[in-house]
Amino acid sequence: MQSLLGKIRCVTRLSTDSCAKLLPPWAAVTPAIGRRCITSSSSDSVPQHASTPVTEISPRIKFKRLDKTARNIMQILDKEAVEEVRAHREIPDIKPGYIIQLKVETPENKRRISTLKGIVIARRNAGLNTTIRLRRLITGIGVESLFPLYSPNIKEIKVLDKKKVRRAKLYYLRDRLNPLKNK
């Protein structure tokens, strides 16, 4: 028995006609100019599949990198989830500087709804994971809470007042005693 390498007689550049006879039908879609064909020493005649009619097959679809495709799919799902939440519940446009009132359902006791009033000092846009940072005073001590905007635990959001601010993050209010008073 000869090895496979022993059977291969030559690798040469063939003309378009002779190379097309040696290639399978699916390879006939692309131009064959300058293509290399491999022939074996066992048969010099034209193979049997060359007599079959050539059917045109559409070229292979080229996909993007998988990580980009997966990221695109996740963005689409994220947008759909945000639209679904907005359809069920009215969520106002909340910006830093707004004084809002939240009605939040506590996860431990579903029947209890807490009312929280404070100033929004930051907002992080991340689709379904968008969060707002709320600063409020409890017995003279400043407390910050981070809330997911589209959380099912938030039952109602009401904008009480809109303060004019020139910053995206109002972290400097941490040093102030009572930022809710008029300046």
C-alpha atoms as a PDB file:
ATOM      1  CA  MET A   1       0.000   0.000   0.000  1.00  0.00           C
ATOM      2  CA  GLN A   2       1.289   3.314  -0.925  1.00  0.00           C
ATOM      3  CA  SER A   3       0.842   6.248   1.355  1.00  0.00           C
ATOM      4  CA  LEU A   4      -1.418   9.125   0.432  1.00  0.00           C
ATOM      5  CA  LEU A   5       1.591  11.301  -0.294  1.00  0.00           C
ATOM      6  CA  GLY A   6       2.904   8.668  -2.723  1.00  0.00           C
ATOM      7  CA  LYS A   7      -0.361   8.712  -4.664  1.00  0.00           C
ATOM      8  CA  ILE A   8      -0.270  12.431  -5.266  1.00  0.00           C
ATOM      9  CA  ARG A   9       1.546  12.970  -8.487  1.00  0.00           C
ATOM     10  CA  CYS A  10       1.631  16.706  -8.865  1.00  0.00           C
ATOM     11  CA  VAL A  11       0.338  19.994  -7.707  1.00  0.00           C
ATOM     12  CA  THR A  12       0.219  22.280 -10.687  1.00  0.00           C
ATOM     13  CA  ARG A  13      -1.503  25.363 -11.949  1.00  0.00           C
ATOM     14  CA  LEU A  14      -4.108  24.301 -14.426  1.00  0.00           C
ATOM     15  CA  SER A  15      -6.177  26.265 -16.838  1.00  0.00           C
ATOM     16  CA  THR A  16      -9.801  27.136 -16.083  1.00  0.00           C
ATOM     17  CA  ASP A  17     -11.289  24.270 -18.121  1.00  0.00           C
ATOM     18  CA  SER A  18      -9.195  21.408 -16.784  1.00  0.00           C
ATOM     19  CA  CYS A  19      -9.393  22.605 -13.190  1.00  0.00           C
ATOM     20  CA  ALA A  20     -13.188  22.924 -13.367  1.00  0.00           C
ATOM     21  CA  LYS A  21     -13.418  19.261 -14.411  1.00  0.00           C
ATOM     22  CA  LEU A  22     -11.513  18.140 -11.326  1.00  0.00           C
ATOM     23  CA  LEU A  23     -13.392  20.249  -8.779  1.00  0.00           C
ATOM     24  CA  PRO A  24     -16.666  19.287  -7.113  1.00  0.00           C
ATOM     25  CA  PRO A  25     -19.826  21.100  -8.288  1.00  0.00           C
ATOM     26  CA  TRP A  26     -20.043  23.390  -5.259  1.00  0.00           C
ATOM     27  CA  ALA A  27     -16.620  24.866  -6.022  1.00  0.00           C
ATOM     28  CA  ALA A  28     -17.664  25.984  -9.514  1.00  0.00           C
ATOM     29  CA  VAL A  29     -19.364  29.112  -8.171  1.00  0.00           C
ATOM     30  CA  THR A  30     -16.096  31.018  -7.706  1.00  0.00           C
ATOM     31  CA  PRO A  31     -13.700  31.742 -10.566  1.00  0.00           C
ATOM     32  CA  ALA A  32     -11.048  29.091 -11.066  1.00  0.00           C
ATOM     33  CA  ILE A  33      -8.322  31.192 -12.637  1.00  0.00           C
ATOM     34  CA  GLY A  34      -4.970  30.448 -11.092  1.00  0.00           C
ATOM     35  CA  ARG A  35      -6.350  27.803  -8.724  1.00  0.00           C
ATOM     36  CA  ARG A  36      -4.171  24.871  -7.752  1.00  0.00           C
ATOM     37  CA  CYS A  37      -5.580  21.405  -8.313  1.00  0.00           C
ATOM     38  CA  ILE A  38      -4.282  18.139  -6.937  1.00  0.00           C
ATOM     39  CA  THR A  39      -4.381  15.011  -9.073  1.00  0.00           C
ATOM     40  CA  SER A  40      -3.509  11.463  -8.053  1.00  0.00           C
ATOM     41  CA  SER A  41      -1.517   8.863  -9.966  1.00  0.00           C
ATOM     42  CA  SER A  42      -4.261   6.234  -9.840  1.00  0.00           C
ATOM     43  CA  SER A  43      -6.564   7.915 -12.365  1.00  0.00           C
ATOM     44  CA  ASP A  44      -5.822  10.431 -15.080  1.00  0.00           C
ATOM     45  CA  SER A  45      -9.332  10.461 -16.474  1.00  0.00           C
ATOM     46  CA  VAL A  46     -12.094  12.891 -15.600  1.00  0.00           C
ATOM     47  CA  PRO A  47     -13.959  11.978 -12.388  1.00  0.00           C
ATOM     48  CA  GLN A  48     -17.576  10.813 -12.567  1.00  0.00           C
ATOM     49  CA  HIS A  49     -19.037  13.790 -10.733  1.00  0.00           C
ATOM     50  CA  ALA A  50     -17.844  16.176 -13.459  1.00  0.00           C
ATOM     51  CA  SER A  51     -20.606  14.958 -15.799  1.00  0.00           C
ATOM     52  CA  THR A  52     -23.352  15.945 -13.356  1.00  0.00           C
ATOM     53  CA  PRO A  53     -24.970  19.325 -14.006  1.00  0.00           C
ATOM     54  CA  VAL A  54     -23.540  22.202 -12.003  1.00  0.00           C
ATOM     55  CA  THR A  55     -26.088  23.743  -9.643  1.00  0.00           C
ATOM     56  CA  GLU A  56     -25.482  27.197  -8.304  1.00  0.00           C
ATOM     57  CA  ILE A  57     -25.260  27.333  -4.555  1.00  0.00           C
ATOM     58  CA  SER A  58     -25.348  30.681  -2.801  1.00  0.00           C
ATOM     59  CA  PRO A  59     -22.061  31.674  -1.217  1.00  0.00           C
ATOM     60  CA  ARG A  60     -21.513  30.973   2.453  1.00  0.00           C
ATOM     61  CA  ILE A  61     -22.793  33.667   4.802  1.00  0.00           C
ATOM     62  CA  LYS A  62     -19.952  35.334   6.620  1.00  0.00           C
ATOM     63  CA  PHE A  63     -20.681  35.859  10.307  1.00  0.00           C
ATOM     64  CA  LYS A  64     -19.186  38.505  12.521  1.00  0.00           C
ATOM     65  CA  ARG A  65     -17.106  37.550  15.488  1.00  0.00           C
ATOM     66  CA  LEU A  66     -19.173  35.607  17.991  1.00  0.00           C
ATOM     67  CA  ASP A  67     -18.562  38.038  20.846  1.00  0.00           C
ATOM     68  CA  LYS A  68     -19.923  40.927  18.746  1.00  0.00           C
ATOM     69  CA  THR A  69     -22.946  38.899  17.664  1.00  0.00           C
ATOM     70  CA  ALA A  70     -23.712  37.891  21.250  1.00  0.00           C
ATOM     71  CA  ARG A  71     -23.331  41.482  22.420  1.00  0.00           C
ATOM     72  CA  ASN A  72     -25.745  42.653  19.722  1.00  0.00           C
ATOM     73  CA  ILE A  73     -28.314  40.039  20.743  1.00  0.00           C
ATOM     74  CA  MET A  74     -28.002  41.076  24.395  1.00  0.00           C
ATOM     75  CA  GLN A  75     -28.532  44.739  23.471  1.00  0.00           C
ATOM     76  CA  ILE A  76     -31.712  43.839  21.581  1.00  0.00           C
ATOM     77  CA  LEU A  77     -33.029  41.790  24.518  1.00  0.00           C
ATOM     78  CA  ASP A  78     -32.124  44.606  26.896  1.00  0.00           C
ATOM     79  CA  LYS A  79     -34.077  47.168  24.850  1.00  0.00           C
ATOM     80  CA  GLU A  80     -37.095  44.870  24.699  1.00  0.00           C
ATOM     81  CA  ALA A  81     -37.035  44.369  28.473  1.00  0.00           C
ATOM     82  CA  VAL A  82     -36.856  48.139  29.092  1.00  0.00           C
ATOM     83  CA  GLU A  83     -39.788  48.746  26.729  1.00  0.00           C
ATOM     84  CA  GLU A  84     -41.805  46.046  28.489  1.00  0.00           C
ATOM     85  CA  VAL A  85     -41.222  47.617  31.920  1.00  0.00           C
ATOM     86  CA  ARG A  86     -42.093  51.089  30.573  1.00  0.00           C
ATOM     87  CA  ALA A  87     -45.339  49.673  29.130  1.00  0.00           C
ATOM     88  CA  HIS A  88     -46.439  48.340  32.543  1.00  0.00           C
ATOM     89  CA  ARG A  89     -45.336  51.303  34.653  1.00  0.00           C
ATOM     90  CA  GLU A  90     -44.853  55.014  34.095  1.00  0.00           C
ATOM     91  CA  ILE A  91     -41.218  55.966  34.729  1.00  0.00           C
ATOM     92  CA  PRO A  92     -40.464  59.692  34.478  1.00  0.00           C
ATOM     93  CA  ASP A  93     -37.227  61.053  33.066  1.00  0.00           C
ATOM     94  CA  ILE A  94     -35.019  61.402  36.155  1.00  0.00           C
ATOM     95  CA  LYS A  95     -31.875  63.543  36.125  1.00  0.00           C
ATOM     96  CA  PRO A  96     -29.391  64.551  38.811  1.00  0.00           C
ATOM     97  CA  GLY A  97     -30.747  67.450  40.834  1.00  0.00           C
ATOM     98  CA  TYR A  98     -34.338  66.239  40.840  1.00  0.00           C
ATOM     99  CA  ILE A  99     -36.041  65.811  44.194  1.00  0.00           C
ATOM    100  CA  ILE A 100     -38.109  62.648  43.956  1.00  0.00           C
ATOM    101  CA  GLN A 101     -40.394  60.552  46.092  1.00  0.00           C
ATOM    102  CA  LEU A 102     -40.179  56.768  45.762  1.00  0.00           C
ATOM    103  CA  LYS A 103     -42.624  54.171  46.954  1.00  0.00           C
ATOM    104  CA  VAL A 104     -40.574  51.030  47.467  1.00  0.00           C
ATOM    105  CA  GLU A 105     -41.822  47.586  48.384  1.00  0.00           C
ATOM    106  CA  THR A 106     -39.541  45.886  50.910  1.00  0.00           C
ATOM    107  CA  PRO A 107     -38.390  42.438  49.732  1.00  0.00           C
ATOM    108  CA  GLU A 108     -38.729  40.895  53.219  1.00  0.00           C
ATOM    109  CA  ASN A 109     -42.339  42.010  53.687  1.00  0.00           C
ATOM    110  CA  LYS A 110     -44.227  42.409  50.411  1.00  0.00           C
ATOM    111  CA  ARG A 111     -47.185  44.147  52.087  1.00  0.00           C
ATOM    112  CA  ARG A 112     -45.091  47.024  53.449  1.00  0.00           C
ATOM    113  CA  ILE A 113     -44.410  49.975  51.157  1.00  0.00           C
ATOM    114  CA  SER A 114     -41.832  52.568  52.242  1.00  0.00           C
ATOM    115  CA  THR A 115     -41.950  56.153  51.049  1.00  0.00           C
ATOM    116  CA  LEU A 116     -38.534  57.737  50.462  1.00  0.00           C
ATOM    117  CA  LYS A 117     -37.888  61.361  49.593  1.00  0.00           C
ATOM    118  CA  GLY A 118     -34.485  62.609  48.494  1.00  0.00           C
ATOM    119  CA  ILE A 119     -32.353  64.271  45.859  1.00  0.00           C
ATOM    120  CA  VAL A 120     -30.892  62.340  42.940  1.00  0.00           C
ATOM    121  CA  ILE A 121     -27.127  62.847  43.015  1.00  0.00           C
ATOM    122  CA  ALA A 122     -26.162  60.387  40.261  1.00  0.00           C
ATOM    123  CA  ARG A 123     -27.610  58.330  37.461  1.00  0.00           C
ATOM    124  CA  ARG A 124     -25.905  55.455  35.680  1.00  0.00           C
ATOM    125  CA  ASN A 125     -27.396  54.526  32.316  1.00  0.00           C
ATOM    126  CA  ALA A 126     -26.999  50.842  31.535  1.00  0.00           C
ATOM    127  CA  GLY A 127     -30.201  49.754  29.810  1.00  0.00           C
ATOM    128  CA  LEU A 128     -32.206  47.505  32.095  1.00  0.00           C
ATOM    129  CA  ASN A 129     -29.593  47.949  34.840  1.00  0.00           C
ATOM    130  CA  THR A 130     -29.947  51.752  35.000  1.00  0.00           C
ATOM    131  CA  THR A 131     -29.511  52.961  38.576  1.00  0.00           C
ATOM    132  CA  ILE A 132     -30.123  56.192  40.466  1.00  0.00           C
ATOM    133  CA  ARG A 133     -28.342  57.260  43.649  1.00  0.00           C
ATOM    134  CA  LEU A 134     -30.706  58.944  46.083  1.00  0.00           C
ATOM    135  CA  ARG A 135     -29.424  61.081  48.985  1.00  0.00           C
ATOM    136  CA  ARG A 136     -31.741  61.850  51.892  1.00  0.00           C
ATOM    137  CA  LEU A 137     -31.486  62.997  55.492  1.00  0.00           C
ATOM    138  CA  ILE A 138     -32.516  60.733  58.356  1.00  0.00           C
ATOM    139  CA  THR A 139     -32.390  62.483  61.756  1.00  0.00           C
ATOM    140  CA  GLY A 140     -29.699  64.862  60.527  1.00  0.00           C
ATOM    141  CA  ILE A 141     -27.487  62.147  59.015  1.00  0.00           C
ATOM    142  CA  GLY A 142     -27.090  61.891  55.252  1.00  0.00           C
ATOM    143  CA  VAL A 143     -27.933  58.475  53.807  1.00  0.00           C
ATOM    144  CA  GLU A 144     -27.365  57.424  50.202  1.00  0.00           C
ATOM    145  CA  SER A 145     -29.277  54.602  48.564  1.00  0.00           C
ATOM    146  CA  LEU A 146     -28.751  53.033  45.172  1.00  0.00           C
ATOM    147  CA  PHE A 147     -31.914  51.945  43.353  1.00  0.00           C
ATOM    148  CA  PRO A 148     -32.290  50.090  40.061  1.00  0.00           C
ATOM    149  CA  LEU A 149     -34.652  52.276  38.044  1.00  0.00           C
ATOM    150  CA  TYR A 150     -36.538  49.366  36.445  1.00  0.00           C
ATOM    151  CA  SER A 151     -36.780  47.266  39.611  1.00  0.00           C
ATOM    152  CA  PRO A 152     -40.142  45.599  40.253  1.00  0.00           C
ATOM    153  CA  ASN A 153     -39.810  46.660  43.934  1.00  0.00           C
ATOM    154  CA  ILE A 154     -40.221  50.340  42.995  1.00  0.00           C
ATOM    155  CA  LYS A 155     -43.964  50.882  42.811  1.00  0.00           C
ATOM    156  CA  GLU A 156     -44.117  54.614  42.096  1.00  0.00           C
ATOM    157  CA  ILE A 157     -41.734  57.437  41.235  1.00  0.00           C
ATOM    158  CA  LYS A 158     -42.905  61.023  41.595  1.00  0.00           C
ATOM    159  CA  VAL A 159     -40.803  64.080  40.713  1.00  0.00           C
ATOM    160  CA  LEU A 160     -41.432  66.750  43.369  1.00  0.00           C
ATOM    161  CA  ASP A 161     -38.983  69.456  42.304  1.00  0.00           C
ATOM    162  CA  LYS A 162     -36.354  70.070  39.664  1.00  0.00           C
ATOM    163  CA  LYS A 163     -33.184  71.833  40.814  1.00  0.00           C
ATOM    164  CA  LYS A 164     -30.947  73.369  38.178  1.00  0.00           C
ATOM    165  CA  VAL A 165     -27.515  71.741  38.305  1.00  0.00           C
ATOM    166  CA  ARG A 166     -24.473  71.939  36.065  1.00  0.00           C
ATOM    167  CA  ARG A 167     -22.913  68.593  36.937  1.00  0.00           C
ATOM    168  CA  ALA A 168     -23.720  64.998  36.068  1.00  0.00           C
ATOM    169  CA  LYS A 169     -22.670  63.711  39.505  1.00  0.00           C
ATOM    170  CA  LEU A 170     -23.534  65.753  42.562  1.00  0.00           C
ATOM    171  CA  TYR A 171     -21.121  64.107  44.987  1.00  0.00           C
ATOM    172  CA  TYR A 172     -20.190  67.496  46.422  1.00  0.00           C
ATOM    173  CA  LEU A 173     -23.567  67.464  48.233  1.00  0.00           C
ATOM    174  CA  ARG A 174     -22.126  64.894  50.624  1.00  0.00           C
ATOM    175  CA  ASP A 175     -20.284  67.723  52.387  1.00  0.00           C
ATOM    176  CA  ARG A 176     -23.390  69.920  52.674  1.00  0.00           C
ATOM    177  CA  LEU A 177     -25.673  69.495  55.660  1.00  0.00           C
ATOM    178  CA  ASN A 178     -29.094  69.884  54.032  1.00  0.00           C
ATOM    179  CA  PRO A 179     -29.054  70.004  50.219  1.00  0.00           C
ATOM    180  CA  LEU A 180     -32.859  69.986  49.994  1.00  0.00           C
ATOM    181  CA  LYS A 181     -33.224  73.584  51.181  1.00  0.00           C
ATOM    182  CA  ASN A 182     -33.415  76.404  48.674  1.00  0.00           C
ATOM    183  CA  LYS A 183     -30.063  78.037  48.047  1.00  0.00           C
END
